[in-house]
Amino acid sequence: TFILEDFELSAEQLKKIKQIGVTL
């Protein structure tokens, strides 16, 4: 649902979270 609502914002936010090292 989150990805469908805003594709560009999803990519930006998930990239930041992934850089921390957590599992997505």
PDBML (XML) file of the C-alpha atoms, coordinates in Angstrom:
<?xml version="1.0" encoding="UTF-8" ?>
<PDBx:datablock datablockName="MODEL"
   xmlns:PDBx="http://pdbml.pdb.org/schema/pdbx-v50.xsd"
   xmlns:xsi="http://www.w3.org/2001/XMLSchema-instance"
   xsi:schemaLocation="http://pdbml.pdb.org/schema/pdbx-v50.xsd pdbx-v50.xsd">
   <PDBx:atom_siteCategory>
      <PDBx:atom_site id="1">
         <PDBx:B_iso_or_equiv>0.00</PDBx:B_iso_or_equiv>
         <PDBx:Cartn_x>0.000</PDBx:Cartn_x>
         <PDBx:Cartn_y>0.000</PDBx:Cartn_y>
         <PDBx:Cartn_z>0.000</PDBx:Cartn_z>
         <PDBx:auth_asym_id>A</PDBx:auth_asym_id>
         <PDBx:auth_atom_id>CA</PDBx:auth_atom_id>
         <PDBx:auth_comp_id>THR</PDBx:auth_comp_id>
         <PDBx:auth_seq_id>1</PDBx:auth_seq_id>
         <PDBx:group_PDB>ATOM</PDBx:group_PDB>
         <PDBx:label_alt_id xsi:nil="true" />
         <PDBx:label_asym_id>A</PDBx:label_asym_id>
         <PDBx:label_atom_id>CA</PDBx:label_atom_id>
         <PDBx:label_comp_id>THR</PDBx:label_comp_id>
         <PDBx:label_entity_id>1</PDBx:label_entity_id>
         <PDBx:label_seq_id>1</PDBx:label_seq_id>
         <PDBx:occupancy>1.00</PDBx:occupancy>
         <PDBx:pdbx_PDB_model_num>1</PDBx:pdbx_PDB_model_num>
         <PDBx:type_symbol>C</PDBx:type_symbol>
      </PDBx:atom_site>
      <PDBx:atom_site id="2">
         <PDBx:B_iso_or_equiv>0.00</PDBx:B_iso_or_equiv>
         <PDBx:Cartn_x>2.771</PDBx:Cartn_x>
         <PDBx:Cartn_y>2.426</PDBx:Cartn_y>
         <PDBx:Cartn_z>0.918</PDBx:Cartn_z>
         <PDBx:auth_asym_id>A</PDBx:auth_asym_id>
         <PDBx:auth_atom_id>CA</PDBx:auth_atom_id>
         <PDBx:auth_comp_id>PHE</PDBx:auth_comp_id>
         <PDBx:auth_seq_id>2</PDBx:auth_seq_id>
         <PDBx:group_PDB>ATOM</PDBx:group_PDB>
         <PDBx:label_alt_id xsi:nil="true" />
         <PDBx:label_asym_id>A</PDBx:label_asym_id>
         <PDBx:label_atom_id>CA</PDBx:label_atom_id>
         <PDBx:label_comp_id>PHE</PDBx:label_comp_id>
         <PDBx:label_entity_id>1</PDBx:label_entity_id>
         <PDBx:label_seq_id>2</PDBx:label_seq_id>
         <PDBx:occupancy>1.00</PDBx:occupancy>
         <PDBx:pdbx_PDB_model_num>1</PDBx:pdbx_PDB_model_num>
         <PDBx:type_symbol>C</PDBx:type_symbol>
      </PDBx:atom_site>
      <PDBx:atom_site id="3">
         <PDBx:B_iso_or_equiv>0.00</PDBx:B_iso_or_equiv>
         <PDBx:Cartn_x>4.616</PDBx:Cartn_x>
         <PDBx:Cartn_y>1.841</PDBx:Cartn_y>
         <PDBx:Cartn_z>-2.355</PDBx:Cartn_z>
         <PDBx:auth_asym_id>A</PDBx:auth_asym_id>
         <PDBx:auth_atom_id>CA</PDBx:auth_atom_id>
         <PDBx:auth_comp_id>ILE</PDBx:auth_comp_id>
         <PDBx:auth_seq_id>3</PDBx:auth_seq_id>
         <PDBx:group_PDB>ATOM</PDBx:group_PDB>
         <PDBx:label_alt_id xsi:nil="true" />
         <PDBx:label_asym_id>A</PDBx:label_asym_id>
         <PDBx:label_atom_id>CA</PDBx:label_atom_id>
         <PDBx:label_comp_id>ILE</PDBx:label_comp_id>
         <PDBx:label_entity_id>1</PDBx:label_entity_id>
         <PDBx:label_seq_id>3</PDBx:label_seq_id>
         <PDBx:occupancy>1.00</PDBx:occupancy>
         <PDBx:pdbx_PDB_model_num>1</PDBx:pdbx_PDB_model_num>
         <PDBx:type_symbol>C</PDBx:type_symbol>
      </PDBx:atom_site>
      <PDBx:atom_site id="4">
         <PDBx:B_iso_or_equiv>0.00</PDBx:B_iso_or_equiv>
         <PDBx:Cartn_x>1.453</PDBx:Cartn_x>
         <PDBx:Cartn_y>2.272</PDBx:Cartn_y>
         <PDBx:Cartn_z>-4.413</PDBx:Cartn_z>
         <PDBx:auth_asym_id>A</PDBx:auth_asym_id>
         <PDBx:auth_atom_id>CA</PDBx:auth_atom_id>
         <PDBx:auth_comp_id>LEU</PDBx:auth_comp_id>
         <PDBx:auth_seq_id>4</PDBx:auth_seq_id>
         <PDBx:group_PDB>ATOM</PDBx:group_PDB>
         <PDBx:label_alt_id xsi:nil="true" />
         <PDBx:label_asym_id>A</PDBx:label_asym_id>
         <PDBx:label_atom_id>CA</PDBx:label_atom_id>
         <PDBx:label_comp_id>LEU</PDBx:label_comp_id>
         <PDBx:label_entity_id>1</PDBx:label_entity_id>
         <PDBx:label_seq_id>4</PDBx:label_seq_id>
         <PDBx:occupancy>1.00</PDBx:occupancy>
         <PDBx:pdbx_PDB_model_num>1</PDBx:pdbx_PDB_model_num>
         <PDBx:type_symbol>C</PDBx:type_symbol>
      </PDBx:atom_site>
      <PDBx:atom_site id="5">
         <PDBx:B_iso_or_equiv>0.00</PDBx:B_iso_or_equiv>
         <PDBx:Cartn_x>0.665</PDBx:Cartn_x>
         <PDBx:Cartn_y>5.627</PDBx:Cartn_y>
         <PDBx:Cartn_z>-2.782</PDBx:Cartn_z>
         <PDBx:auth_asym_id>A</PDBx:auth_asym_id>
         <PDBx:auth_atom_id>CA</PDBx:auth_atom_id>
         <PDBx:auth_comp_id>GLU</PDBx:auth_comp_id>
         <PDBx:auth_seq_id>5</PDBx:auth_seq_id>
         <PDBx:group_PDB>ATOM</PDBx:group_PDB>
         <PDBx:label_alt_id xsi:nil="true" />
         <PDBx:label_asym_id>A</PDBx:label_asym_id>
         <PDBx:label_atom_id>CA</PDBx:label_atom_id>
         <PDBx:label_comp_id>GLU</PDBx:label_comp_id>
         <PDBx:label_entity_id>1</PDBx:label_entity_id>
         <PDBx:label_seq_id>5</PDBx:label_seq_id>
         <PDBx:occupancy>1.00</PDBx:occupancy>
         <PDBx:pdbx_PDB_model_num>1</PDBx:pdbx_PDB_model_num>
         <PDBx:type_symbol>C</PDBx:type_symbol>
      </PDBx:atom_site>
      <PDBx:atom_site id="6">
         <PDBx:B_iso_or_equiv>0.00</PDBx:B_iso_or_equiv>
         <PDBx:Cartn_x>3.959</PDBx:Cartn_x>
         <PDBx:Cartn_y>7.313</PDBx:Cartn_y>
         <PDBx:Cartn_z>-3.648</PDBx:Cartn_z>
         <PDBx:auth_asym_id>A</PDBx:auth_asym_id>
         <PDBx:auth_atom_id>CA</PDBx:auth_atom_id>
         <PDBx:auth_comp_id>ASP</PDBx:auth_comp_id>
         <PDBx:auth_seq_id>6</PDBx:auth_seq_id>
         <PDBx:group_PDB>ATOM</PDBx:group_PDB>
         <PDBx:label_alt_id xsi:nil="true" />
         <PDBx:label_asym_id>A</PDBx:label_asym_id>
         <PDBx:label_atom_id>CA</PDBx:label_atom_id>
         <PDBx:label_comp_id>ASP</PDBx:label_comp_id>
         <PDBx:label_entity_id>1</PDBx:label_entity_id>
         <PDBx:label_seq_id>6</PDBx:label_seq_id>
         <PDBx:occupancy>1.00</PDBx:occupancy>
         <PDBx:pdbx_PDB_model_num>1</PDBx:pdbx_PDB_model_num>
         <PDBx:type_symbol>C</PDBx:type_symbol>
      </PDBx:atom_site>
      <PDBx:atom_site id="7">
         <PDBx:B_iso_or_equiv>0.00</PDBx:B_iso_or_equiv>
         <PDBx:Cartn_x>6.558</PDBx:Cartn_x>
         <PDBx:Cartn_y>5.424</PDBx:Cartn_y>
         <PDBx:Cartn_z>-5.676</PDBx:Cartn_z>
         <PDBx:auth_asym_id>A</PDBx:auth_asym_id>
         <PDBx:auth_atom_id>CA</PDBx:auth_atom_id>
         <PDBx:auth_comp_id>PHE</PDBx:auth_comp_id>
         <PDBx:auth_seq_id>7</PDBx:auth_seq_id>
         <PDBx:group_PDB>ATOM</PDBx:group_PDB>
         <PDBx:label_alt_id xsi:nil="true" />
         <PDBx:label_asym_id>A</PDBx:label_asym_id>
         <PDBx:label_atom_id>CA</PDBx:label_atom_id>
         <PDBx:label_comp_id>PHE</PDBx:label_comp_id>
         <PDBx:label_entity_id>1</PDBx:label_entity_id>
         <PDBx:label_seq_id>7</PDBx:label_seq_id>
         <PDBx:occupancy>1.00</PDBx:occupancy>
         <PDBx:pdbx_PDB_model_num>1</PDBx:pdbx_PDB_model_num>
         <PDBx:type_symbol>C</PDBx:type_symbol>
      </PDBx:atom_site>
      <PDBx:atom_site id="8">
         <PDBx:B_iso_or_equiv>0.00</PDBx:B_iso_or_equiv>
         <PDBx:Cartn_x>9.324</PDBx:Cartn_x>
         <PDBx:Cartn_y>8.062</PDBx:Cartn_y>
         <PDBx:Cartn_z>-5.504</PDBx:Cartn_z>
         <PDBx:auth_asym_id>A</PDBx:auth_asym_id>
         <PDBx:auth_atom_id>CA</PDBx:auth_atom_id>
         <PDBx:auth_comp_id>GLU</PDBx:auth_comp_id>
         <PDBx:auth_seq_id>8</PDBx:auth_seq_id>
         <PDBx:group_PDB>ATOM</PDBx:group_PDB>
         <PDBx:label_alt_id xsi:nil="true" />
         <PDBx:label_asym_id>A</PDBx:label_asym_id>
         <PDBx:label_atom_id>CA</PDBx:label_atom_id>
         <PDBx:label_comp_id>GLU</PDBx:label_comp_id>
         <PDBx:label_entity_id>1</PDBx:label_entity_id>
         <PDBx:label_seq_id>8</PDBx:label_seq_id>
         <PDBx:occupancy>1.00</PDBx:occupancy>
         <PDBx:pdbx_PDB_model_num>1</PDBx:pdbx_PDB_model_num>
         <PDBx:type_symbol>C</PDBx:type_symbol>
      </PDBx:atom_site>
      <PDBx:atom_site id="9">
         <PDBx:B_iso_or_equiv>0.00</PDBx:B_iso_or_equiv>
         <PDBx:Cartn_x>8.950</PDBx:Cartn_x>
         <PDBx:Cartn_y>8.732</PDBx:Cartn_y>
         <PDBx:Cartn_z>-1.774</PDBx:Cartn_z>
         <PDBx:auth_asym_id>A</PDBx:auth_asym_id>
         <PDBx:auth_atom_id>CA</PDBx:auth_atom_id>
         <PDBx:auth_comp_id>LEU</PDBx:auth_comp_id>
         <PDBx:auth_seq_id>9</PDBx:auth_seq_id>
         <PDBx:group_PDB>ATOM</PDBx:group_PDB>
         <PDBx:label_alt_id xsi:nil="true" />
         <PDBx:label_asym_id>A</PDBx:label_asym_id>
         <PDBx:label_atom_id>CA</PDBx:label_atom_id>
         <PDBx:label_comp_id>LEU</PDBx:label_comp_id>
         <PDBx:label_entity_id>1</PDBx:label_entity_id>
         <PDBx:label_seq_id>9</PDBx:label_seq_id>
         <PDBx:occupancy>1.00</PDBx:occupancy>
         <PDBx:pdbx_PDB_model_num>1</PDBx:pdbx_PDB_model_num>
         <PDBx:type_symbol>C</PDBx:type_symbol>
      </PDBx:atom_site>
      <PDBx:atom_site id="10">
         <PDBx:B_iso_or_equiv>0.00</PDBx:B_iso_or_equiv>
         <PDBx:Cartn_x>8.911</PDBx:Cartn_x>
         <PDBx:Cartn_y>4.969</PDBx:Cartn_y>
         <PDBx:Cartn_z>-1.129</PDBx:Cartn_z>
         <PDBx:auth_asym_id>A</PDBx:auth_asym_id>
         <PDBx:auth_atom_id>CA</PDBx:auth_atom_id>
         <PDBx:auth_comp_id>SER</PDBx:auth_comp_id>
         <PDBx:auth_seq_id>10</PDBx:auth_seq_id>
         <PDBx:group_PDB>ATOM</PDBx:group_PDB>
         <PDBx:label_alt_id xsi:nil="true" />
         <PDBx:label_asym_id>A</PDBx:label_asym_id>
         <PDBx:label_atom_id>CA</PDBx:label_atom_id>
         <PDBx:label_comp_id>SER</PDBx:label_comp_id>
         <PDBx:label_entity_id>1</PDBx:label_entity_id>
         <PDBx:label_seq_id>10</PDBx:label_seq_id>
         <PDBx:occupancy>1.00</PDBx:occupancy>
         <PDBx:pdbx_PDB_model_num>1</PDBx:pdbx_PDB_model_num>
         <PDBx:type_symbol>C</PDBx:type_symbol>
      </PDBx:atom_site>
      <PDBx:atom_site id="11">
         <PDBx:B_iso_or_equiv>0.00</PDBx:B_iso_or_equiv>
         <PDBx:Cartn_x>12.220</PDBx:Cartn_x>
         <PDBx:Cartn_y>4.512</PDBx:Cartn_y>
         <PDBx:Cartn_z>-2.947</PDBx:Cartn_z>
         <PDBx:auth_asym_id>A</PDBx:auth_asym_id>
         <PDBx:auth_atom_id>CA</PDBx:auth_atom_id>
         <PDBx:auth_comp_id>ALA</PDBx:auth_comp_id>
         <PDBx:auth_seq_id>11</PDBx:auth_seq_id>
         <PDBx:group_PDB>ATOM</PDBx:group_PDB>
         <PDBx:label_alt_id xsi:nil="true" />
         <PDBx:label_asym_id>A</PDBx:label_asym_id>
         <PDBx:label_atom_id>CA</PDBx:label_atom_id>
         <PDBx:label_comp_id>ALA</PDBx:label_comp_id>
         <PDBx:label_entity_id>1</PDBx:label_entity_id>
         <PDBx:label_seq_id>11</PDBx:label_seq_id>
         <PDBx:occupancy>1.00</PDBx:occupancy>
         <PDBx:pdbx_PDB_model_num>1</PDBx:pdbx_PDB_model_num>
         <PDBx:type_symbol>C</PDBx:type_symbol>
      </PDBx:atom_site>
      <PDBx:atom_site id="12">
         <PDBx:B_iso_or_equiv>0.00</PDBx:B_iso_or_equiv>
         <PDBx:Cartn_x>13.834</PDBx:Cartn_x>
         <PDBx:Cartn_y>7.393</PDBx:Cartn_y>
         <PDBx:Cartn_z>-1.055</PDBx:Cartn_z>
         <PDBx:auth_asym_id>A</PDBx:auth_asym_id>
         <PDBx:auth_atom_id>CA</PDBx:auth_atom_id>
         <PDBx:auth_comp_id>GLU</PDBx:auth_comp_id>
         <PDBx:auth_seq_id>12</PDBx:auth_seq_id>
         <PDBx:group_PDB>ATOM</PDBx:group_PDB>
         <PDBx:label_alt_id xsi:nil="true" />
         <PDBx:label_asym_id>A</PDBx:label_asym_id>
         <PDBx:label_atom_id>CA</PDBx:label_atom_id>
         <PDBx:label_comp_id>GLU</PDBx:label_comp_id>
         <PDBx:label_entity_id>1</PDBx:label_entity_id>
         <PDBx:label_seq_id>12</PDBx:label_seq_id>
         <PDBx:occupancy>1.00</PDBx:occupancy>
         <PDBx:pdbx_PDB_model_num>1</PDBx:pdbx_PDB_model_num>
         <PDBx:type_symbol>C</PDBx:type_symbol>
      </PDBx:atom_site>
      <PDBx:atom_site id="13">
         <PDBx:B_iso_or_equiv>0.00</PDBx:B_iso_or_equiv>
         <PDBx:Cartn_x>12.630</PDBx:Cartn_x>
         <PDBx:Cartn_y>6.312</PDBx:Cartn_y>
         <PDBx:Cartn_z>2.403</PDBx:Cartn_z>
         <PDBx:auth_asym_id>A</PDBx:auth_asym_id>
         <PDBx:auth_atom_id>CA</PDBx:auth_atom_id>
         <PDBx:auth_comp_id>GLN</PDBx:auth_comp_id>
         <PDBx:auth_seq_id>13</PDBx:auth_seq_id>
         <PDBx:group_PDB>ATOM</PDBx:group_PDB>
         <PDBx:label_alt_id xsi:nil="true" />
         <PDBx:label_asym_id>A</PDBx:label_asym_id>
         <PDBx:label_atom_id>CA</PDBx:label_atom_id>
         <PDBx:label_comp_id>GLN</PDBx:label_comp_id>
         <PDBx:label_entity_id>1</PDBx:label_entity_id>
         <PDBx:label_seq_id>13</PDBx:label_seq_id>
         <PDBx:occupancy>1.00</PDBx:occupancy>
         <PDBx:pdbx_PDB_model_num>1</PDBx:pdbx_PDB_model_num>
         <PDBx:type_symbol>C</PDBx:type_symbol>
      </PDBx:atom_site>
      <PDBx:atom_site id="14">
         <PDBx:B_iso_or_equiv>0.00</PDBx:B_iso_or_equiv>
         <PDBx:Cartn_x>13.404</PDBx:Cartn_x>
         <PDBx:Cartn_y>2.593</PDBx:Cartn_y>
         <PDBx:Cartn_z>1.956</PDBx:Cartn_z>
         <PDBx:auth_asym_id>A</PDBx:auth_asym_id>
         <PDBx:auth_atom_id>CA</PDBx:auth_atom_id>
         <PDBx:auth_comp_id>LEU</PDBx:auth_comp_id>
         <PDBx:auth_seq_id>14</PDBx:auth_seq_id>
         <PDBx:group_PDB>ATOM</PDBx:group_PDB>
         <PDBx:label_alt_id xsi:nil="true" />
         <PDBx:label_asym_id>A</PDBx:label_asym_id>
         <PDBx:label_atom_id>CA</PDBx:label_atom_id>
         <PDBx:label_comp_id>LEU</PDBx:label_comp_id>
         <PDBx:label_entity_id>1</PDBx:label_entity_id>
         <PDBx:label_seq_id>14</PDBx:label_seq_id>
         <PDBx:occupancy>1.00</PDBx:occupancy>
         <PDBx:pdbx_PDB_model_num>1</PDBx:pdbx_PDB_model_num>
         <PDBx:type_symbol>C</PDBx:type_symbol>
      </PDBx:atom_site>
      <PDBx:atom_site id="15">
         <PDBx:B_iso_or_equiv>0.00</PDBx:B_iso_or_equiv>
         <PDBx:Cartn_x>16.872</PDBx:Cartn_x>
         <PDBx:Cartn_y>3.415</PDBx:Cartn_y>
         <PDBx:Cartn_z>0.676</PDBx:Cartn_z>
         <PDBx:auth_asym_id>A</PDBx:auth_asym_id>
         <PDBx:auth_atom_id>CA</PDBx:auth_atom_id>
         <PDBx:auth_comp_id>LYS</PDBx:auth_comp_id>
         <PDBx:auth_seq_id>15</PDBx:auth_seq_id>
         <PDBx:group_PDB>ATOM</PDBx:group_PDB>
         <PDBx:label_alt_id xsi:nil="true" />
         <PDBx:label_asym_id>A</PDBx:label_asym_id>
         <PDBx:label_atom_id>CA</PDBx:label_atom_id>
         <PDBx:label_comp_id>LYS</PDBx:label_comp_id>
         <PDBx:label_entity_id>1</PDBx:label_entity_id>
         <PDBx:label_seq_id>15</PDBx:label_seq_id>
         <PDBx:occupancy>1.00</PDBx:occupancy>
         <PDBx:pdbx_PDB_model_num>1</PDBx:pdbx_PDB_model_num>
         <PDBx:type_symbol>C</PDBx:type_symbol>
      </PDBx:atom_site>
      <PDBx:atom_site id="16">
         <PDBx:B_iso_or_equiv>0.00</PDBx:B_iso_or_equiv>
         <PDBx:Cartn_x>17.590</PDBx:Cartn_x>
         <PDBx:Cartn_y>5.446</PDBx:Cartn_y>
         <PDBx:Cartn_z>3.835</PDBx:Cartn_z>
         <PDBx:auth_asym_id>A</PDBx:auth_asym_id>
         <PDBx:auth_atom_id>CA</PDBx:auth_atom_id>
         <PDBx:auth_comp_id>LYS</PDBx:auth_comp_id>
         <PDBx:auth_seq_id>16</PDBx:auth_seq_id>
         <PDBx:group_PDB>ATOM</PDBx:group_PDB>
         <PDBx:label_alt_id xsi:nil="true" />
         <PDBx:label_asym_id>A</PDBx:label_asym_id>
         <PDBx:label_atom_id>CA</PDBx:label_atom_id>
         <PDBx:label_comp_id>LYS</PDBx:label_comp_id>
         <PDBx:label_entity_id>1</PDBx:label_entity_id>
         <PDBx:label_seq_id>16</PDBx:label_seq_id>
         <PDBx:occupancy>1.00</PDBx:occupancy>
         <PDBx:pdbx_PDB_model_num>1</PDBx:pdbx_PDB_model_num>
         <PDBx:type_symbol>C</PDBx:type_symbol>
      </PDBx:atom_site>
      <PDBx:atom_site id="17">
         <PDBx:B_iso_or_equiv>0.00</PDBx:B_iso_or_equiv>
         <PDBx:Cartn_x>16.311</PDBx:Cartn_x>
         <PDBx:Cartn_y>2.628</PDBx:Cartn_y>
         <PDBx:Cartn_z>6.074</PDBx:Cartn_z>
         <PDBx:auth_asym_id>A</PDBx:auth_asym_id>
         <PDBx:auth_atom_id>CA</PDBx:auth_atom_id>
         <PDBx:auth_comp_id>ILE</PDBx:auth_comp_id>
         <PDBx:auth_seq_id>17</PDBx:auth_seq_id>
         <PDBx:group_PDB>ATOM</PDBx:group_PDB>
         <PDBx:label_alt_id xsi:nil="true" />
         <PDBx:label_asym_id>A</PDBx:label_asym_id>
         <PDBx:label_atom_id>CA</PDBx:label_atom_id>
         <PDBx:label_comp_id>ILE</PDBx:label_comp_id>
         <PDBx:label_entity_id>1</PDBx:label_entity_id>
         <PDBx:label_seq_id>17</PDBx:label_seq_id>
         <PDBx:occupancy>1.00</PDBx:occupancy>
         <PDBx:pdbx_PDB_model_num>1</PDBx:pdbx_PDB_model_num>
         <PDBx:type_symbol>C</PDBx:type_symbol>
      </PDBx:atom_site>
      <PDBx:atom_site id="18">
         <PDBx:B_iso_or_equiv>0.00</PDBx:B_iso_or_equiv>
         <PDBx:Cartn_x>18.295</PDBx:Cartn_x>
         <PDBx:Cartn_y>0.007</PDBx:Cartn_y>
         <PDBx:Cartn_z>4.160</PDBx:Cartn_z>
         <PDBx:auth_asym_id>A</PDBx:auth_asym_id>
         <PDBx:auth_atom_id>CA</PDBx:auth_atom_id>
         <PDBx:auth_comp_id>LYS</PDBx:auth_comp_id>
         <PDBx:auth_seq_id>18</PDBx:auth_seq_id>
         <PDBx:group_PDB>ATOM</PDBx:group_PDB>
         <PDBx:label_alt_id xsi:nil="true" />
         <PDBx:label_asym_id>A</PDBx:label_asym_id>
         <PDBx:label_atom_id>CA</PDBx:label_atom_id>
         <PDBx:label_comp_id>LYS</PDBx:label_comp_id>
         <PDBx:label_entity_id>1</PDBx:label_entity_id>
         <PDBx:label_seq_id>18</PDBx:label_seq_id>
         <PDBx:occupancy>1.00</PDBx:occupancy>
         <PDBx:pdbx_PDB_model_num>1</PDBx:pdbx_PDB_model_num>
         <PDBx:type_symbol>C</PDBx:type_symbol>
      </PDBx:atom_site>
      <PDBx:atom_site id="19">
         <PDBx:B_iso_or_equiv>0.00</PDBx:B_iso_or_equiv>
         <PDBx:Cartn_x>21.509</PDBx:Cartn_x>
         <PDBx:Cartn_y>2.026</PDBx:Cartn_y>
         <PDBx:Cartn_z>4.577</PDBx:Cartn_z>
         <PDBx:auth_asym_id>A</PDBx:auth_asym_id>
         <PDBx:auth_atom_id>CA</PDBx:auth_atom_id>
         <PDBx:auth_comp_id>GLN</PDBx:auth_comp_id>
         <PDBx:auth_seq_id>19</PDBx:auth_seq_id>
         <PDBx:group_PDB>ATOM</PDBx:group_PDB>
         <PDBx:label_alt_id xsi:nil="true" />
         <PDBx:label_asym_id>A</PDBx:label_asym_id>
         <PDBx:label_atom_id>CA</PDBx:label_atom_id>
         <PDBx:label_comp_id>GLN</PDBx:label_comp_id>
         <PDBx:label_entity_id>1</PDBx:label_entity_id>
         <PDBx:label_seq_id>19</PDBx:label_seq_id>
         <PDBx:occupancy>1.00</PDBx:occupancy>
         <PDBx:pdbx_PDB_model_num>1</PDBx:pdbx_PDB_model_num>
         <PDBx:type_symbol>C</PDBx:type_symbol>
      </PDBx:atom_site>
      <PDBx:atom_site id="20">
         <PDBx:B_iso_or_equiv>0.00</PDBx:B_iso_or_equiv>
         <PDBx:Cartn_x>21.195</PDBx:Cartn_x>
         <PDBx:Cartn_y>1.504</PDBx:Cartn_y>
         <PDBx:Cartn_z>8.345</PDBx:Cartn_z>
         <PDBx:auth_asym_id>A</PDBx:auth_asym_id>
         <PDBx:auth_atom_id>CA</PDBx:auth_atom_id>
         <PDBx:auth_comp_id>ILE</PDBx:auth_comp_id>
         <PDBx:auth_seq_id>20</PDBx:auth_seq_id>
         <PDBx:group_PDB>ATOM</PDBx:group_PDB>
         <PDBx:label_alt_id xsi:nil="true" />
         <PDBx:label_asym_id>A</PDBx:label_asym_id>
         <PDBx:label_atom_id>CA</PDBx:label_atom_id>
         <PDBx:label_comp_id>ILE</PDBx:label_comp_id>
         <PDBx:label_entity_id>1</PDBx:label_entity_id>
         <PDBx:label_seq_id>20</PDBx:label_seq_id>
         <PDBx:occupancy>1.00</PDBx:occupancy>
         <PDBx:pdbx_PDB_model_num>1</PDBx:pdbx_PDB_model_num>
         <PDBx:type_symbol>C</PDBx:type_symbol>
      </PDBx:atom_site>
      <PDBx:atom_site id="21">
         <PDBx:B_iso_or_equiv>0.00</PDBx:B_iso_or_equiv>
         <PDBx:Cartn_x>21.674</PDBx:Cartn_x>
         <PDBx:Cartn_y>-2.236</PDBx:Cartn_y>
         <PDBx:Cartn_z>7.794</PDBx:Cartn_z>
         <PDBx:auth_asym_id>A</PDBx:auth_asym_id>
         <PDBx:auth_atom_id>CA</PDBx:auth_atom_id>
         <PDBx:auth_comp_id>GLY</PDBx:auth_comp_id>
         <PDBx:auth_seq_id>21</PDBx:auth_seq_id>
         <PDBx:group_PDB>ATOM</PDBx:group_PDB>
         <PDBx:label_alt_id xsi:nil="true" />
         <PDBx:label_asym_id>A</PDBx:label_asym_id>
         <PDBx:label_atom_id>CA</PDBx:label_atom_id>
         <PDBx:label_comp_id>GLY</PDBx:label_comp_id>
         <PDBx:label_entity_id>1</PDBx:label_entity_id>
         <PDBx:label_seq_id>21</PDBx:label_seq_id>
         <PDBx:occupancy>1.00</PDBx:occupancy>
         <PDBx:pdbx_PDB_model_num>1</PDBx:pdbx_PDB_model_num>
         <PDBx:type_symbol>C</PDBx:type_symbol>
      </PDBx:atom_site>
      <PDBx:atom_site id="22">
         <PDBx:B_iso_or_equiv>0.00</PDBx:B_iso_or_equiv>
         <PDBx:Cartn_x>18.269</PDBx:Cartn_x>
         <PDBx:Cartn_y>-3.511</PDBx:Cartn_y>
         <PDBx:Cartn_z>8.938</PDBx:Cartn_z>
         <PDBx:auth_asym_id>A</PDBx:auth_asym_id>
         <PDBx:auth_atom_id>CA</PDBx:auth_atom_id>
         <PDBx:auth_comp_id>VAL</PDBx:auth_comp_id>
         <PDBx:auth_seq_id>22</PDBx:auth_seq_id>
         <PDBx:group_PDB>ATOM</PDBx:group_PDB>
         <PDBx:label_alt_id xsi:nil="true" />
         <PDBx:label_asym_id>A</PDBx:label_asym_id>
         <PDBx:label_atom_id>CA</PDBx:label_atom_id>
         <PDBx:label_comp_id>VAL</PDBx:label_comp_id>
         <PDBx:label_entity_id>1</PDBx:label_entity_id>
         <PDBx:label_seq_id>22</PDBx:label_seq_id>
         <PDBx:occupancy>1.00</PDBx:occupancy>
         <PDBx:pdbx_PDB_model_num>1</PDBx:pdbx_PDB_model_num>
         <PDBx:type_symbol>C</PDBx:type_symbol>
      </PDBx:atom_site>
      <PDBx:atom_site id="23">
         <PDBx:B_iso_or_equiv>0.00</PDBx:B_iso_or_equiv>
         <PDBx:Cartn_x>16.413</PDBx:Cartn_x>
         <PDBx:Cartn_y>-6.258</PDBx:Cartn_y>
         <PDBx:Cartn_z>7.096</PDBx:Cartn_z>
         <PDBx:auth_asym_id>A</PDBx:auth_asym_id>
         <PDBx:auth_atom_id>CA</PDBx:auth_atom_id>
         <PDBx:auth_comp_id>THR</PDBx:auth_comp_id>
         <PDBx:auth_seq_id>23</PDBx:auth_seq_id>
         <PDBx:group_PDB>ATOM</PDBx:group_PDB>
         <PDBx:label_alt_id xsi:nil="true" />
         <PDBx:label_asym_id>A</PDBx:label_asym_id>
         <PDBx:label_atom_id>CA</PDBx:label_atom_id>
         <PDBx:label_comp_id>THR</PDBx:label_comp_id>
         <PDBx:label_entity_id>1</PDBx:label_entity_id>
         <PDBx:label_seq_id>23</PDBx:label_seq_id>
         <PDBx:occupancy>1.00</PDBx:occupancy>
         <PDBx:pdbx_PDB_model_num>1</PDBx:pdbx_PDB_model_num>
         <PDBx:type_symbol>C</PDBx:type_symbol>
      </PDBx:atom_site>
      <PDBx:atom_site id="24">
         <PDBx:B_iso_or_equiv>0.00</PDBx:B_iso_or_equiv>
         <PDBx:Cartn_x>13.664</PDBx:Cartn_x>
         <PDBx:Cartn_y>-5.045</PDBx:Cartn_y>
         <PDBx:Cartn_z>4.754</PDBx:Cartn_z>
         <PDBx:auth_asym_id>A</PDBx:auth_asym_id>
         <PDBx:auth_atom_id>CA</PDBx:auth_atom_id>
         <PDBx:auth_comp_id>LEU</PDBx:auth_comp_id>
         <PDBx:auth_seq_id>24</PDBx:auth_seq_id>
         <PDBx:group_PDB>ATOM</PDBx:group_PDB>
         <PDBx:label_alt_id xsi:nil="true" />
         <PDBx:label_asym_id>A</PDBx:label_asym_id>
         <PDBx:label_atom_id>CA</PDBx:label_atom_id>
         <PDBx:label_comp_id>LEU</PDBx:label_comp_id>
         <PDBx:label_entity_id>1</PDBx:label_entity_id>
         <PDBx:label_seq_id>24</PDBx:label_seq_id>
         <PDBx:occupancy>1.00</PDBx:occupancy>
         <PDBx:pdbx_PDB_model_num>1</PDBx:pdbx_PDB_model_num>
         <PDBx:type_symbol>C</PDBx:type_symbol>
      </PDBx:atom_site>
   </PDBx:atom_siteCategory>
</PDBx:datablock>
